[in-house]
Amino acid sequence: MNKINEFLIQFTGECLETLSIVCYDWLVIAGLIGLILYIFGWKKGKDIGFIMPAIYIIIQILVKVIC
């Protein structure tokens, strides 16, 4: 039972670290697309462009706390 618990803790930590690395690329792309849409007149694009860095910071905080 102890080995299963250690495996799950290690696996969860590695998954969160991988998520934080991959998530950065997707959030940058989504933020840039949102800002480009805002430039071309879509008002909600501004919200998307400015929310993406906040989501990234929240994910980074959660990864640091859990791992």
N, C-alpha and C. Protein backbone atom coordinates (compact mmCIF):
# COMPACT_ATOMS: atom_id res chain seq x y z
N MET A 1 0.83 -1.20 0.00
CA MET A 1 0.00 0.00 0.00
C MET A 1 0.87 1.26 0.00
N ASN A 2 1.99 1.18 0.68
CA ASN A 2 2.89 2.32 0.76
C ASN A 2 3.48 2.65 -0.61
N LYS A 3 3.82 1.59 -1.38
CA LYS A 3 4.39 1.81 -2.71
C LYS A 3 3.38 2.46 -3.65
N ILE A 4 2.13 2.06 -3.54
CA ILE A 4 1.10 2.65 -4.38
C ILE A 4 0.93 4.13 -4.03
N ASN A 5 0.94 4.46 -2.77
CA ASN A 5 0.79 5.84 -2.33
C ASN A 5 1.97 6.69 -2.83
N GLU A 6 3.19 6.18 -2.72
CA GLU A 6 4.36 6.91 -3.20
C GLU A 6 4.30 7.10 -4.72
N PHE A 7 3.86 6.04 -5.42
CA PHE A 7 3.74 6.15 -6.88
C PHE A 7 2.75 7.23 -7.27
N LEU A 8 1.59 7.25 -6.61
CA LEU A 8 0.58 8.25 -6.93
C LEU A 8 1.05 9.67 -6.64
N ILE A 9 1.76 9.85 -5.56
CA ILE A 9 2.29 11.18 -5.23
C ILE A 9 3.32 11.62 -6.27
N GLN A 10 4.22 10.72 -6.64
CA GLN A 10 5.25 11.05 -7.63
C GLN A 10 4.61 11.29 -9.00
N PHE A 11 3.66 10.45 -9.38
CA PHE A 11 3.00 10.58 -10.67
C PHE A 11 2.24 11.90 -10.76
N THR A 12 1.54 12.26 -9.70
CA THR A 12 0.79 13.52 -9.69
C THR A 12 1.73 14.71 -9.82
N GLY A 13 2.84 14.67 -9.11
CA GLY A 13 3.82 15.75 -9.19
C GLY A 13 4.39 15.90 -10.59
N GLU A 14 4.73 14.79 -11.22
CA GLU A 14 5.27 14.84 -12.58
C GLU A 14 4.24 15.34 -13.57
N CYS A 15 3.00 14.92 -13.40
CA CYS A 15 1.93 15.39 -14.29
C CYS A 15 1.72 16.90 -14.16
N LEU A 16 1.75 17.40 -12.94
CA LEU A 16 1.57 18.84 -12.74
C LEU A 16 2.73 19.64 -13.32
N GLU A 17 3.94 19.14 -13.18
CA GLU A 17 5.09 19.83 -13.76
C GLU A 17 5.00 19.86 -15.28
N THR A 18 4.61 18.73 -15.88
CA THR A 18 4.45 18.67 -17.33
C THR A 18 3.33 19.60 -17.79
N LEU A 19 2.24 19.62 -17.05
CA LEU A 19 1.13 20.50 -17.38
C LEU A 19 1.56 21.96 -17.35
N SER A 20 2.36 22.33 -16.38
CA SER A 20 2.78 23.73 -16.29
C SER A 20 3.69 24.11 -17.45
N ILE A 21 4.50 23.18 -17.93
CA ILE A 21 5.39 23.46 -19.06
C ILE A 21 4.58 23.58 -20.36
N VAL A 22 3.69 22.62 -20.60
CA VAL A 22 2.90 22.61 -21.82
C VAL A 22 1.87 23.73 -21.81
N CYS A 23 1.33 24.02 -20.66
CA CYS A 23 0.28 25.02 -20.52
C CYS A 23 0.78 26.41 -20.95
N TYR A 24 2.04 26.69 -20.69
CA TYR A 24 2.60 28.00 -21.03
C TYR A 24 2.45 28.27 -22.52
N ASP A 25 2.82 27.30 -23.34
CA ASP A 25 2.75 27.48 -24.79
C ASP A 25 1.32 27.74 -25.26
N TRP A 26 0.38 26.95 -24.75
CA TRP A 26 -1.02 27.12 -25.15
C TRP A 26 -1.58 28.46 -24.70
N LEU A 27 -1.22 28.88 -23.50
CA LEU A 27 -1.75 30.14 -22.99
C LEU A 27 -1.18 31.33 -23.75
N VAL A 28 0.09 31.25 -24.14
CA VAL A 28 0.69 32.34 -24.93
C VAL A 28 -0.01 32.44 -26.28
N ILE A 29 -0.22 31.30 -26.92
CA ILE A 29 -0.89 31.30 -28.22
C ILE A 29 -2.31 31.82 -28.10
N ALA A 30 -3.06 31.36 -27.11
CA ALA A 30 -4.43 31.82 -26.92
C ALA A 30 -4.47 33.31 -26.61
N GLY A 31 -3.54 33.79 -25.80
CA GLY A 31 -3.49 35.21 -25.48
C GLY A 31 -3.19 36.07 -26.70
N LEU A 32 -2.26 35.61 -27.53
CA LEU A 32 -1.94 36.37 -28.74
C LEU A 32 -3.12 36.37 -29.72
N ILE A 33 -3.78 35.24 -29.86
CA ILE A 33 -4.96 35.19 -30.72
C ILE A 33 -6.05 36.14 -30.20
N GLY A 34 -6.24 36.15 -28.88
CA GLY A 34 -7.23 37.05 -28.29
C GLY A 34 -6.89 38.51 -28.53
N LEU A 35 -5.62 38.87 -28.40
CA LEU A 35 -5.23 40.26 -28.65
C LEU A 35 -5.33 40.64 -30.12
N ILE A 36 -5.03 39.69 -31.01
CA ILE A 36 -5.19 39.96 -32.44
C ILE A 36 -6.66 40.17 -32.78
N LEU A 37 -7.53 39.34 -32.20
CA LEU A 37 -8.97 39.52 -32.42
C LEU A 37 -9.44 40.87 -31.89
N TYR A 38 -8.87 41.30 -30.76
CA TYR A 38 -9.24 42.60 -30.19
C TYR A 38 -8.81 43.73 -31.13
N ILE A 39 -7.63 43.58 -31.71
CA ILE A 39 -7.16 44.60 -32.65
C ILE A 39 -8.10 44.72 -33.84
N PHE A 40 -8.64 43.58 -34.28
CA PHE A 40 -9.54 43.59 -35.43
C PHE A 40 -11.00 43.84 -35.05
N GLY A 41 -11.27 44.22 -33.82
CA GLY A 41 -12.60 44.70 -33.47
C GLY A 41 -13.44 43.80 -32.58
N TRP A 42 -12.96 42.63 -32.21
CA TRP A 42 -13.75 41.76 -31.35
C TRP A 42 -13.46 42.13 -29.91
N LYS A 43 -14.42 42.74 -29.21
CA LYS A 43 -14.19 43.31 -27.87
C LYS A 43 -13.83 42.26 -26.83
N LYS A 44 -14.36 41.04 -26.94
CA LYS A 44 -14.06 40.00 -25.95
C LYS A 44 -12.62 39.51 -26.08
N GLY A 45 -11.97 39.78 -27.19
CA GLY A 45 -10.58 39.37 -27.36
C GLY A 45 -9.67 40.03 -26.34
N LYS A 46 -10.01 41.23 -25.91
CA LYS A 46 -9.22 41.92 -24.89
C LYS A 46 -9.24 41.15 -23.59
N ASP A 47 -10.42 40.66 -23.21
CA ASP A 47 -10.53 39.88 -21.97
C ASP A 47 -9.71 38.60 -22.05
N ILE A 48 -9.81 37.92 -23.18
CA ILE A 48 -9.06 36.66 -23.34
C ILE A 48 -7.56 36.92 -23.27
N GLY A 49 -7.13 37.96 -23.94
CA GLY A 49 -5.70 38.27 -23.96
C GLY A 49 -5.13 38.61 -22.60
N PHE A 50 -5.92 39.24 -21.76
CA PHE A 50 -5.42 39.63 -20.44
C PHE A 50 -5.68 38.60 -19.35
N ILE A 51 -6.59 37.65 -19.60
CA ILE A 51 -6.86 36.61 -18.61
C ILE A 51 -5.82 35.49 -18.68
N MET A 52 -5.26 35.24 -19.86
CA MET A 52 -4.33 34.13 -20.04
C MET A 52 -3.10 34.22 -19.13
N PRO A 53 -2.46 35.37 -18.98
CA PRO A 53 -1.34 35.42 -18.03
C PRO A 53 -1.77 35.15 -16.58
N ALA A 54 -2.97 35.58 -16.22
CA ALA A 54 -3.47 35.32 -14.87
C ALA A 54 -3.68 33.82 -14.65
N ILE A 55 -4.21 33.14 -15.66
CA ILE A 55 -4.39 31.69 -15.55
C ILE A 55 -3.05 31.00 -15.42
N TYR A 56 -2.06 31.46 -16.17
CA TYR A 56 -0.72 30.87 -16.09
C TYR A 56 -0.13 31.05 -14.69
N ILE A 57 -0.29 32.21 -14.12
CA ILE A 57 0.25 32.46 -12.78
C ILE A 57 -0.45 31.58 -11.75
N ILE A 58 -1.75 31.42 -11.88
CA ILE A 58 -2.49 30.55 -10.96
C ILE A 58 -2.01 29.11 -11.07
N ILE A 59 -1.80 28.63 -12.29
CA ILE A 59 -1.30 27.26 -12.48
C ILE A 59 0.09 27.11 -11.88
N GLN A 60 0.95 28.11 -12.06
CA GLN A 60 2.30 28.05 -11.49
C GLN A 60 2.24 28.01 -9.96
N ILE A 61 1.38 28.78 -9.37
CA ILE A 61 1.24 28.78 -7.90
C ILE A 61 0.78 27.42 -7.41
N LEU A 62 -0.22 26.85 -8.08
CA LEU A 62 -0.71 25.54 -7.68
C LEU A 62 0.36 24.46 -7.82
N VAL A 63 1.14 24.52 -8.88
CA VAL A 63 2.21 23.52 -9.07
C VAL A 63 3.25 23.66 -7.98
N LYS A 64 3.63 24.88 -7.65
CA LYS A 64 4.65 25.08 -6.59
C LYS A 64 4.16 24.63 -5.22
N VAL A 65 2.87 24.85 -4.96
CA VAL A 65 2.33 24.47 -3.66
C VAL A 65 2.20 22.95 -3.55
N ILE A 66 1.70 22.32 -4.60
CA ILE A 66 1.44 20.89 -4.53
C ILE A 66 2.73 20.08 -4.66
N CYS A 67 3.62 20.52 -5.53
CA CYS A 67 4.88 19.77 -5.72
C CYS A 67 5.87 20.28 -4.73
